[in-house]
Amino acid sequence: MAQAKIQAKMNESVCSKFSRTLSMADRAGQLLESLDQLEIRVDALREAASAMEQERECILEMIQSIQNSQEMRNICAGEREELTLTANRLMGRTLCVEISVGTIRNLQQEDALRKATSMIDEIVKKLLDDVEGGRQQLLALHAACVTEAPPVPTDQKFQAIVISCALEDQKRIKRRLETLLRNVENAEKNIKIMDNQKLDDKQANGSH
């Protein structure tokens, strides 16, 4: 009788343990499913934040473009002052919006990003002295960031560095170069307009 009770107790213990193991497995499965769903939401959150970050950059660039436009120079001083105040107010409000999407990098990616940033910064420093030369260098760097065959020479050294960067950093580097090239193009247009205005003024003065 005592032996039968002991055996029954052992069987009960085994069944209980087996049942508990299944229950733990089920709970682990549910938790894993929850984490999978959260991962989808995290990716969506990062994509939304990245899109907002790009929108912020685009708005700032558009405000600066209006501030430096020829149309702004052609209006009377009173209207220009009012528009400048409005543009400055919008600039300040936009700058108050802070969006940051961090990127997880290994040591190699950290080093690659530092080198790529340094190369771009060096060209930017020289832009004032040689706008056209700087533009050609920026085009060569940008060519290294696109998949399709570009119509300009590619900076092979920069391309090797960018490939070693994290994917998100590669996108940011490409966007920065595109913004710089647009700014350089706008600056060149403004310089040409100012030169033409000087010529027109000289001709007008000479005709008197």
Protein backbone atom coordinates (compact mmCIF):
# COMPACT_ATOMS: atom_id res chain seq x y z
CA MET A 1 0.00 0.00 0.00
CA ALA A 2 2.77 2.36 0.94
CA GLN A 3 4.62 1.46 -2.27
CA ALA A 4 1.53 2.27 -4.34
CA LYS A 5 1.22 5.71 -2.71
CA ILE A 6 4.88 6.46 -3.40
CA GLN A 7 4.51 5.43 -7.04
CA ALA A 8 1.38 7.53 -7.42
CA LYS A 9 3.19 10.52 -5.93
CA MET A 10 6.09 10.08 -8.36
CA ASN A 11 3.71 9.85 -11.31
CA GLU A 12 1.91 12.99 -10.12
CA SER A 13 5.23 14.80 -9.84
CA VAL A 14 6.28 13.81 -13.35
CA CYS A 15 2.93 14.87 -14.82
CA SER A 16 3.05 18.15 -12.95
CA LYS A 17 6.56 18.88 -14.17
CA PHE A 18 5.66 17.98 -17.75
CA SER A 19 2.57 20.19 -17.61
CA ARG A 20 4.55 23.10 -16.14
CA THR A 21 7.18 22.76 -18.88
CA LEU A 22 4.52 23.01 -21.57
CA SER A 23 3.01 26.01 -19.85
CA MET A 24 6.39 27.76 -19.70
CA ALA A 25 6.95 27.00 -23.37
CA ASP A 26 3.56 28.48 -24.19
CA ARG A 27 4.33 31.61 -22.19
CA ALA A 28 7.72 31.92 -23.89
CA GLY A 29 6.01 31.61 -27.26
CA GLN A 30 3.53 34.32 -26.38
CA LEU A 31 6.31 36.61 -25.18
CA LEU A 32 8.28 35.98 -28.36
CA GLU A 33 5.22 36.80 -30.45
CA SER A 34 4.76 40.03 -28.48
CA LEU A 35 8.40 40.96 -29.05
CA ASP A 36 8.04 40.24 -32.77
CA GLN A 37 5.06 42.61 -32.90
CA LEU A 38 6.99 45.23 -30.97
CA GLU A 39 9.92 44.91 -33.36
CA ILE A 40 7.57 45.79 -36.23
CA ARG A 41 6.39 48.84 -34.29
CA VAL A 42 9.98 49.85 -33.45
CA ASP A 43 10.94 49.69 -37.14
CA ALA A 44 7.87 51.75 -38.05
CA LEU A 45 8.76 54.27 -35.33
CA ARG A 46 12.33 54.64 -36.62
CA GLU A 47 11.10 55.03 -40.21
CA ALA A 48 8.58 57.69 -39.14
CA ALA A 49 11.22 59.55 -37.12
CA SER A 50 13.66 59.36 -40.03
CA ALA A 51 10.99 60.74 -42.38
CA MET A 52 10.34 63.59 -39.93
CA GLU A 53 14.07 64.25 -39.73
CA GLN A 54 14.23 64.54 -43.53
CA GLU A 55 11.15 66.78 -43.57
CA ARG A 56 12.80 69.08 -41.02
CA GLU A 57 15.94 69.31 -43.18
CA CYS A 58 13.81 70.01 -46.26
CA ILE A 59 11.86 72.80 -44.52
CA LEU A 60 15.05 74.44 -43.26
CA GLU A 61 16.57 74.30 -46.72
CA MET A 62 13.45 75.84 -48.30
CA ILE A 63 13.41 78.69 -45.76
CA GLN A 64 17.09 79.41 -46.44
CA SER A 65 16.43 79.29 -50.18
CA ILE A 66 13.71 81.94 -49.83
CA GLN A 67 15.92 84.09 -47.62
CA ASN A 68 18.73 84.04 -50.20
CA SER A 69 16.53 84.23 -53.30
CA GLN A 70 16.74 86.90 -55.92
CA GLU A 71 13.01 87.58 -55.44
CA MET A 72 13.76 88.64 -51.87
CA ARG A 73 16.32 91.17 -53.13
CA ASN A 74 13.99 92.60 -55.75
CA ILE A 75 11.24 93.72 -53.35
CA CYS A 76 11.18 96.99 -51.45
CA ALA A 77 12.94 97.31 -48.09
CA GLY A 78 9.74 97.44 -46.03
CA GLU A 79 8.28 94.25 -47.49
CA ARG A 80 11.66 92.55 -47.37
CA GLU A 81 11.98 93.30 -43.65
CA GLU A 82 8.54 91.83 -42.94
CA LEU A 83 9.27 88.70 -44.98
CA THR A 84 12.67 88.31 -43.31
CA LEU A 85 11.07 88.46 -39.86
CA THR A 86 8.54 85.81 -40.89
CA ALA A 87 11.26 83.57 -42.33
CA ASN A 88 13.35 83.96 -39.18
CA ARG A 89 10.35 83.09 -37.03
CA LEU A 90 9.69 79.95 -39.07
CA MET A 91 13.37 79.05 -38.92
CA GLY A 92 13.36 79.35 -35.13
CA ARG A 93 10.22 77.25 -34.75
CA THR A 94 11.62 74.56 -37.03
CA LEU A 95 14.94 74.46 -35.18
CA CYS A 96 13.01 73.93 -31.92
CA VAL A 97 11.82 70.59 -33.29
CA GLU A 98 14.49 68.12 -32.24
CA ILE A 99 14.46 64.68 -33.85
CA SER A 100 17.21 62.16 -33.33
CA VAL A 101 17.41 58.64 -34.72
CA GLY A 102 20.43 56.89 -33.26
CA THR A 103 22.38 54.30 -35.21
CA ILE A 104 24.02 51.24 -33.71
CA ARG A 105 27.53 50.93 -35.16
CA ASN A 106 30.52 48.66 -34.68
CA LEU A 107 34.04 50.06 -34.46
CA GLN A 108 34.65 49.71 -38.21
CA GLN A 109 31.44 51.59 -39.01
CA GLU A 110 32.30 54.32 -36.49
CA ASP A 111 35.71 54.80 -38.11
CA ALA A 112 34.21 54.81 -41.63
CA LEU A 113 31.65 57.46 -40.67
CA ARG A 114 34.35 59.64 -39.14
CA LYS A 115 36.49 59.42 -42.28
CA ALA A 116 33.56 60.13 -44.63
CA THR A 117 32.45 63.13 -42.57
CA SER A 118 36.00 64.47 -42.48
CA MET A 119 36.35 64.25 -46.28
CA ILE A 120 33.11 66.17 -46.82
CA ASP A 121 34.04 68.79 -44.21
CA GLU A 122 37.38 69.43 -45.93
CA ILE A 123 35.67 70.15 -49.24
CA VAL A 124 33.12 72.43 -47.57
CA LYS A 125 35.95 74.48 -46.03
CA LYS A 126 37.42 75.11 -49.50
CA LEU A 127 34.12 75.96 -51.21
CA LEU A 128 34.41 79.70 -50.62
CA ASP A 129 37.83 79.79 -52.30
CA ASP A 130 36.93 77.54 -55.23
CA VAL A 131 33.20 77.05 -55.76
CA GLU A 132 33.44 75.21 -59.07
CA GLY A 133 36.30 72.96 -57.93
CA GLY A 134 34.42 72.16 -54.73
CA ARG A 135 31.28 71.36 -56.70
CA GLN A 136 33.17 68.89 -58.88
CA GLN A 137 34.59 67.19 -55.78
CA LEU A 138 31.13 66.98 -54.21
CA LEU A 139 29.78 65.46 -57.43
CA ALA A 140 32.52 62.81 -57.31
CA LEU A 141 31.60 61.98 -53.69
CA HIS A 142 27.90 61.86 -54.52
CA ALA A 143 28.63 59.55 -57.45
CA ALA A 144 30.15 57.14 -54.93
CA CYS A 145 26.81 56.96 -53.10
CA VAL A 146 24.51 56.05 -56.01
CA THR A 147 23.90 52.64 -57.52
CA GLU A 148 23.31 53.74 -61.11
CA ALA A 149 26.28 54.65 -63.27
CA PRO A 150 26.84 58.41 -62.76
CA PRO A 151 27.84 60.76 -65.64
CA VAL A 152 30.75 62.11 -63.57
CA PRO A 153 33.94 60.53 -62.18
CA THR A 154 33.53 58.59 -58.94
CA ASP A 155 35.79 59.06 -55.92
CA GLN A 156 36.82 55.42 -55.42
CA LYS A 157 38.43 56.07 -52.03
CA PHE A 158 35.26 57.70 -50.70
CA GLN A 159 33.15 54.90 -52.15
CA ALA A 160 35.13 52.26 -50.24
CA ILE A 161 34.68 54.26 -47.03
CA VAL A 162 30.94 54.76 -47.51
CA ILE A 163 30.39 51.06 -48.18
CA SER A 164 31.92 50.37 -44.75
CA CYS A 165 29.41 52.72 -43.05
CA ALA A 166 26.15 51.58 -41.49
CA LEU A 167 23.22 51.60 -43.94
CA GLU A 168 21.48 54.51 -42.18
CA ASP A 169 24.71 56.52 -42.25
CA GLN A 170 25.07 55.84 -45.98
CA LYS A 171 21.64 57.39 -46.53
CA ARG A 172 22.48 60.41 -44.35
CA ILE A 173 25.79 60.97 -46.18
CA LYS A 174 24.02 60.88 -49.54
CA ARG A 175 21.36 63.35 -48.33
CA ARG A 176 24.01 65.72 -46.98
CA LEU A 177 25.88 65.72 -50.28
CA GLU A 178 22.66 66.37 -52.20
CA THR A 179 21.86 69.32 -49.93
CA LEU A 180 25.36 70.75 -50.33
CA LEU A 181 25.18 70.45 -54.12
CA ARG A 182 21.83 72.25 -54.20
CA ASN A 183 23.24 75.01 -51.99
CA VAL A 184 26.29 75.37 -54.23
CA GLU A 185 24.08 75.50 -57.32
CA ASN A 186 21.91 78.21 -55.75
CA ALA A 187 25.01 80.17 -54.71
CA GLU A 188 26.39 80.03 -58.26
CA LYS A 189 23.06 81.26 -59.65
CA ASN A 190 23.04 84.17 -57.21
CA ILE A 191 26.62 85.08 -58.15
CA LYS A 192 25.73 85.08 -61.86
CA ILE A 193 22.66 87.22 -61.21
CA MET A 194 24.72 89.72 -59.22
CA ASP A 195 27.35 89.84 -61.98
CA ASN A 196 24.66 90.45 -64.59
CA GLN A 197 23.19 93.20 -62.48
CA LYS A 198 26.59 94.89 -62.25
CA LEU A 199 26.97 94.70 -66.03
CA ASP A 200 23.50 96.15 -66.52
CA ASP A 201 24.29 98.97 -64.09
CA LYS A 202 27.54 99.73 -65.90
CA GLN A 203 25.80 99.78 -69.26
CA ALA A 204 23.04 101.99 -67.87
CA ASN A 205 25.58 104.41 -66.45
CA GLY A 206 27.57 104.40 -69.65
CA SER A 207 24.54 105.26 -71.73
CA HIS A 208 24.02 108.54 -69.85
